[in-house]
Amino acid sequence: MNHKPQTHYDDAFSRNIGWVTEQEQDQLRSKRIAIAGLGGVGGSHLLTLTRLGVGRFHIADFDVFEMVNFNRQVGATLSHVGQPKVDVMASMACDVNSDLDIRKFSEGVTDDNVRAFLDDVDLYVDGIDFFNIHTRRLLFASCADMGIPAITAAPLGMGVALLNFLPGKMTFEEYFRLDGHDEEEQLLRLLLGLSPSMIHASYLVDDTRVDLANHHGPSTPMACELCAGVAATEALKILLNRGKVIAAPTAIHYDAYENRLVRTWRPWGNRNPIQQIALRIARRRLSKPKQAA
């Protein structure tokens, strides 16, 4: 009978040593990270952090893989069509490290299980679909309440927009100011807050493909992989307490297509006067009839 080979941790992650010490690698092995959403960015987050040597995860997703996921989601393959994302990604991660402690939340994150999902975790890494406003707000509010650092690395165009929300600093709601607005306005505020510079908008070739009201937008695999690298680097710094970690209201947007890195600082978040101007411009643009390119 053939037995599946087991991971030997010290050998499997030995090439990390040099960028981290052996003692730091042992620390990463004992850390627990929660990832909600295992699609475009979440699946890549899980595998990248697993290869970094993080040993414990809580993962959540209620969806299954479909053909429309193929352009960007690391678990989307012909053999996985119709299979639950949480099961596929857990299996892929355990195929890298057979000793993983991984807890699956196959119903996704809900009002009823969010505390259990975040229980005993050292860090939350956001992988929630852009249009799932309620669950994202629930998770970040819970992280703030429980003193858990949270990372969001958003795939925009062919780049990544990074925001960290750290205990004792500006919260997600204080930055984005979503409360009291309808869903379309919340989505607009989320987009402008993630990327105040909006540098990716310069090369959008067909703006009819962006439809906030109907929950539709284009994506690229490059952006998802950039997000995984950036988020894992921030995770390393937070978990090991080394290196400078920026936090909201400071954000970073790196765009590979434009070869640009923009750092923004927006005190009061979307209440900032500069953001208020940007929001008014964006509302006018979205209210205009769109024509196909």
Protein backbone atom coordinates (compact mmCIF):
# COMPACT_ATOMS: atom_id res chain seq x y z
CA MET A 1 0.00 0.00 0.00
CA ASN A 2 1.41 3.41 -0.98
CA HIS A 3 1.53 5.99 1.77
CA LYS A 4 1.47 9.69 1.05
CA PRO A 5 4.80 11.27 2.04
CA GLN A 6 4.80 13.51 5.10
CA THR A 7 6.29 16.97 5.30
CA HIS A 8 9.51 17.32 7.28
CA TYR A 9 9.12 20.89 8.50
CA ASP A 10 12.79 21.78 8.99
CA ASP A 11 13.70 20.53 5.51
CA ALA A 12 10.62 21.89 3.73
CA PHE A 13 11.10 25.46 4.95
CA SER A 14 14.86 25.54 5.34
CA ARG A 15 15.25 27.92 2.39
CA ASN A 16 13.40 30.58 4.38
CA ILE A 17 16.32 30.65 6.82
CA GLY A 18 18.52 33.63 6.10
CA TRP A 19 15.57 35.93 5.61
CA VAL A 20 14.24 34.69 8.94
CA THR A 21 16.21 33.08 11.75
CA GLU A 22 15.64 29.51 12.88
CA GLN A 23 13.99 30.86 16.02
CA GLU A 24 11.67 33.06 13.93
CA GLN A 25 10.76 30.11 11.73
CA ASP A 26 9.75 28.22 14.87
CA GLN A 27 7.60 31.20 15.88
CA LEU A 28 5.84 31.20 12.50
CA ARG A 29 5.13 27.50 12.91
CA SER A 30 3.14 28.23 16.06
CA LYS A 31 1.19 31.22 14.70
CA ARG A 32 -2.50 31.03 13.77
CA ILE A 33 -3.91 33.09 10.88
CA ALA A 34 -7.55 33.47 9.88
CA ILE A 35 -8.36 33.90 6.18
CA ALA A 36 -11.92 34.59 5.07
CA GLY A 37 -12.61 34.08 1.37
CA LEU A 38 -10.53 31.58 -0.60
CA GLY A 39 -10.95 32.89 -4.12
CA GLY A 40 -8.69 35.22 -6.08
CA VAL A 41 -6.59 36.55 -3.23
CA GLY A 42 -7.58 34.31 -0.32
CA GLY A 43 -6.43 31.07 -1.91
CA SER A 44 -3.07 32.57 -2.83
CA HIS A 45 -2.77 34.02 0.69
CA LEU A 46 -3.24 30.57 2.19
CA LEU A 47 -0.64 28.85 0.01
CA THR A 48 1.92 31.65 0.32
CA LEU A 49 1.61 31.78 4.09
CA THR A 50 1.79 27.99 4.26
CA ARG A 51 5.04 28.08 2.28
CA LEU A 52 6.31 30.74 4.67
CA GLY A 53 5.91 28.09 7.36
CA VAL A 54 2.86 29.37 9.24
CA GLY A 55 1.46 26.29 10.95
CA ARG A 56 -2.13 27.06 11.95
CA PHE A 57 -5.09 28.44 10.05
CA HIS A 58 -8.78 29.15 10.26
CA ILE A 59 -10.22 29.34 6.73
CA ALA A 60 -13.74 30.21 5.61
CA ASP A 61 -15.66 30.11 2.34
CA PHE A 62 -19.15 28.88 1.41
CA ASP A 63 -18.60 28.87 -2.37
CA VAL A 64 -17.55 26.26 -4.95
CA PHE A 65 -15.14 26.62 -7.85
CA GLU A 66 -16.61 27.58 -11.23
CA MET A 67 -15.27 28.29 -14.72
CA VAL A 68 -15.50 32.05 -14.16
CA ASN A 69 -12.84 31.66 -11.45
CA PHE A 70 -10.20 30.28 -13.82
CA ASN A 71 -8.53 33.57 -14.73
CA ARG A 72 -7.27 34.32 -11.21
CA GLN A 73 -8.02 31.74 -8.51
CA VAL A 74 -5.20 29.38 -7.62
CA GLY A 75 -7.55 26.50 -6.76
CA ALA A 76 -9.65 26.85 -9.92
CA THR A 77 -8.86 23.88 -12.17
CA LEU A 78 -10.94 21.48 -14.24
CA SER A 79 -10.61 18.80 -11.58
CA HIS A 80 -11.94 21.18 -8.93
CA VAL A 81 -15.04 22.53 -10.70
CA GLY A 82 -18.05 22.18 -8.41
CA GLN A 83 -15.94 21.40 -5.35
CA PRO A 84 -16.08 23.56 -2.19
CA LYS A 85 -13.27 26.10 -2.14
CA VAL A 86 -12.62 25.54 1.54
CA ASP A 87 -12.03 21.80 0.99
CA VAL A 88 -9.88 22.22 -2.11
CA MET A 89 -7.68 24.90 -0.58
CA ALA A 90 -7.29 23.02 2.70
CA SER A 91 -6.16 19.97 0.73
CA MET A 92 -3.69 22.01 -1.34
CA ALA A 93 -2.24 23.63 1.78
CA CYS A 94 -1.90 20.28 3.57
CA ASP A 95 -0.14 18.93 0.47
CA VAL A 96 2.56 21.51 1.22
CA ASN A 97 2.64 20.97 4.99
CA SER A 98 1.03 17.74 6.14
CA ASP A 99 1.26 18.87 9.77
CA LEU A 100 -0.95 21.93 9.35
CA ASP A 101 -3.51 22.64 12.03
CA ILE A 102 -6.34 23.89 9.81
CA ARG A 103 -9.94 24.53 10.83
CA LYS A 104 -12.52 24.91 8.07
CA PHE A 105 -15.63 27.10 8.21
CA SER A 106 -17.57 25.76 5.24
CA GLU A 107 -20.55 28.04 5.85
CA GLY A 108 -18.35 31.11 5.49
CA VAL A 109 -18.21 33.80 8.16
CA THR A 110 -21.54 34.76 9.70
CA ASP A 111 -22.82 36.86 12.59
CA ASP A 112 -23.14 33.64 14.56
CA ASN A 113 -19.65 32.20 14.02
CA VAL A 114 -17.39 35.23 13.60
CA ARG A 115 -16.12 35.06 17.19
CA ALA A 116 -15.27 31.38 16.80
CA PHE A 117 -13.59 32.10 13.47
CA LEU A 118 -11.33 34.70 15.08
CA ASP A 119 -10.83 32.87 18.38
CA ASP A 120 -7.16 32.48 19.34
CA VAL A 121 -5.85 33.86 16.03
CA ASP A 122 -2.77 36.08 15.82
CA LEU A 123 -3.74 37.81 12.58
CA TYR A 124 -6.62 38.18 10.14
CA VAL A 125 -5.86 38.33 6.39
CA ASP A 126 -8.76 39.55 4.26
CA GLY A 127 -9.83 37.56 1.21
CA ILE A 128 -13.53 38.50 1.15
CA ASP A 129 -15.09 39.25 -2.23
CA PHE A 130 -15.07 43.00 -2.91
CA PHE A 131 -18.85 43.15 -3.09
CA ASN A 132 -19.51 41.36 0.23
CA ILE A 133 -19.70 44.52 2.31
CA HIS A 134 -21.58 43.09 5.29
CA THR A 135 -19.16 40.26 6.03
CA ARG A 136 -16.10 42.47 5.53
CA ARG A 137 -17.45 45.08 7.96
CA LEU A 138 -18.35 42.34 10.45
CA LEU A 139 -14.85 40.86 10.34
CA PHE A 140 -12.93 44.12 10.67
CA ALA A 141 -15.20 45.34 13.48
CA SER A 142 -14.69 42.05 15.30
CA CYS A 143 -10.92 42.26 14.84
CA ALA A 144 -10.91 45.77 16.31
CA ASP A 145 -13.04 44.60 19.25
CA MET A 146 -10.83 41.55 19.88
CA GLY A 147 -7.49 43.35 19.41
CA ILE A 148 -6.50 41.35 16.33
CA PRO A 149 -4.34 42.98 13.61
CA ALA A 150 -5.91 42.78 10.15
CA ILE A 151 -4.48 43.05 6.64
CA THR A 152 -6.29 43.80 3.41
CA ALA A 153 -4.37 43.62 0.14
CA ALA A 154 -6.77 44.48 -2.67
CA PRO A 155 -6.22 43.38 -6.29
CA LEU A 156 -6.79 46.46 -8.45
CA GLY A 157 -6.05 46.25 -12.17
CA MET A 158 -2.54 44.81 -12.35
CA GLY A 159 -1.48 45.98 -8.92
CA VAL A 160 -2.11 45.77 -5.20
CA ALA A 161 -3.45 48.26 -2.67
CA LEU A 162 -2.41 47.62 0.93
CA LEU A 163 -4.07 48.73 4.17
CA ASN A 164 -3.29 47.46 7.66
CA PHE A 165 -5.62 47.94 10.61
CA LEU A 166 -3.76 47.50 13.87
CA PRO A 167 -5.02 47.32 17.47
CA GLY A 168 -5.30 50.74 19.05
CA LYS A 169 -5.06 52.60 15.74
CA MET A 170 -7.63 53.80 13.19
CA THR A 171 -10.32 51.20 12.59
CA PHE A 172 -11.82 50.01 9.31
CA GLU A 173 -15.04 51.97 9.92
CA GLU A 174 -13.19 55.13 10.97
CA TYR A 175 -11.23 54.98 7.71
CA PHE A 176 -13.90 53.98 5.18
CA ARG A 177 -16.90 55.73 6.82
CA LEU A 178 -19.50 53.30 5.43
CA ASP A 179 -22.15 53.55 8.11
CA GLY A 180 -25.46 55.10 7.04
CA HIS A 181 -24.87 54.81 3.28
CA ASP A 182 -26.56 52.57 0.72
CA GLU A 183 -24.66 49.66 -0.78
CA GLU A 184 -23.54 51.39 -3.98
CA GLU A 185 -22.12 54.31 -2.01
CA GLN A 186 -20.41 51.88 0.39
CA LEU A 187 -18.76 50.08 -2.54
CA LEU A 188 -17.60 53.39 -3.97
CA ARG A 189 -16.17 54.43 -0.61
CA LEU A 190 -14.45 51.06 -0.28
CA LEU A 191 -12.86 51.42 -3.73
CA LEU A 192 -11.68 55.00 -3.20
CA GLY A 193 -10.46 54.21 0.29
CA LEU A 194 -8.43 51.23 -0.87
CA SER A 195 -6.77 53.29 -3.57
CA PRO A 196 -7.01 57.06 -3.11
CA SER A 197 -4.63 57.46 -6.08
CA MET A 198 -6.71 55.21 -8.43
CA ILE A 199 -3.65 54.77 -10.65
CA HIS A 200 -5.07 51.57 -12.15
CA ALA A 201 -7.93 53.50 -13.77
CA SER A 202 -5.57 54.85 -16.45
CA TYR A 203 -5.43 51.57 -18.39
CA LEU A 204 -8.99 50.27 -18.01
CA VAL A 205 -9.90 49.63 -21.66
CA ASP A 206 -13.64 48.92 -21.23
CA ASP A 207 -15.37 50.69 -18.35
CA THR A 208 -18.67 48.96 -19.16
CA ARG A 209 -17.15 45.94 -17.37
CA VAL A 210 -17.20 47.85 -14.06
CA ASP A 211 -20.70 47.72 -12.59
CA LEU A 212 -20.86 48.27 -8.83
CA ALA A 213 -24.65 48.10 -8.73
CA ASN A 214 -24.67 44.60 -10.25
CA HIS A 215 -21.58 43.37 -8.43
CA HIS A 216 -19.35 42.95 -11.43
CA GLY A 217 -15.78 43.96 -12.20
CA PRO A 218 -12.77 42.71 -14.19
CA SER A 219 -9.76 41.04 -12.55
CA THR A 220 -6.27 39.76 -13.35
CA PRO A 221 -4.13 36.90 -11.99
CA MET A 222 -1.14 39.23 -11.67
CA ALA A 223 -2.93 41.39 -9.12
CA CYS A 224 -3.89 38.37 -6.99
CA GLU A 225 -0.33 37.07 -6.86
CA LEU A 226 1.02 40.52 -6.01
CA CYS A 227 -1.50 40.69 -3.17
CA ALA A 228 -0.31 37.37 -1.76
CA GLY A 229 3.32 38.48 -1.72
CA VAL A 230 2.59 41.83 -0.14
CA ALA A 231 0.18 40.44 2.47
CA ALA A 232 2.56 37.64 3.47
CA THR A 233 5.37 40.14 3.91
CA GLU A 234 3.19 42.30 6.16
CA ALA A 235 2.14 39.16 8.04
CA LEU A 236 5.77 38.24 8.66
CA LYS A 237 6.53 41.69 10.08
CA ILE A 238 3.44 41.73 12.28
CA LEU A 239 3.83 38.17 13.58
CA LEU A 240 7.56 38.49 14.27
CA ASN A 241 7.40 42.09 15.47
CA ARG A 242 10.12 43.25 13.10
CA GLY A 243 10.31 45.84 10.37
CA LYS A 244 8.14 48.92 9.93
CA VAL A 245 4.42 48.21 9.61
CA ILE A 246 2.27 51.02 8.22
CA ALA A 247 -1.31 51.38 9.37
CA ALA A 248 -4.41 53.26 8.24
CA PRO A 249 -4.79 56.11 7.42
CA THR A 250 -1.58 55.41 5.47
CA ALA A 251 -2.02 53.19 2.40
CA ILE A 252 0.28 51.88 -0.33
CA HIS A 253 -0.68 51.13 -3.93
CA TYR A 254 1.84 49.42 -6.23
CA ASP A 255 0.86 49.10 -9.88
CA ALA A 256 3.02 46.83 -12.04
CA TYR A 257 1.49 48.06 -15.31
CA GLU A 258 2.22 51.71 -14.59
CA ASN A 259 5.52 50.91 -12.82
CA ARG A 260 4.41 53.15 -9.97
CA LEU A 261 4.33 52.99 -6.20
CA VAL A 262 2.09 55.54 -4.47
CA ARG A 263 1.92 56.09 -0.72
CA THR A 264 -1.10 58.03 0.52
CA TRP A 265 -2.01 59.50 3.89
CA ARG A 266 -5.66 60.33 4.48
CA PRO A 267 -6.35 61.53 8.03
CA TRP A 268 -10.08 61.00 8.79
CA GLY A 269 -10.16 58.48 5.91
CA ASN A 270 -13.04 59.08 3.52
CA ARG A 271 -13.99 62.15 5.54
CA ASN A 272 -10.75 63.79 4.41
CA PRO A 273 -11.43 66.82 2.14
CA ILE A 274 -9.32 65.34 -0.67
CA GLN A 275 -11.30 62.09 -0.47
CA GLN A 276 -14.58 64.02 -0.48
CA ILE A 277 -13.60 65.64 -3.77
CA ALA A 278 -12.58 62.27 -5.24
CA LEU A 279 -15.87 60.73 -4.16
CA ARG A 280 -17.88 63.49 -5.85
CA ILE A 281 -15.94 63.02 -9.09
CA ALA A 282 -16.40 59.24 -8.95
CA ARG A 283 -20.14 59.58 -8.36
CA ARG A 284 -20.52 61.82 -11.40
CA ARG A 285 -18.53 59.43 -13.55
CA LEU A 286 -20.57 56.44 -12.47
CA SER A 287 -23.84 58.27 -13.07
CA LYS A 288 -23.00 58.85 -16.75
CA PRO A 289 -24.24 56.32 -19.35
CA LYS A 290 -21.46 53.93 -20.33
CA GLN A 291 -20.49 53.11 -23.88
CA ALA A 292 -18.65 49.99 -24.91
CA ALA A 293 -15.05 50.51 -26.03
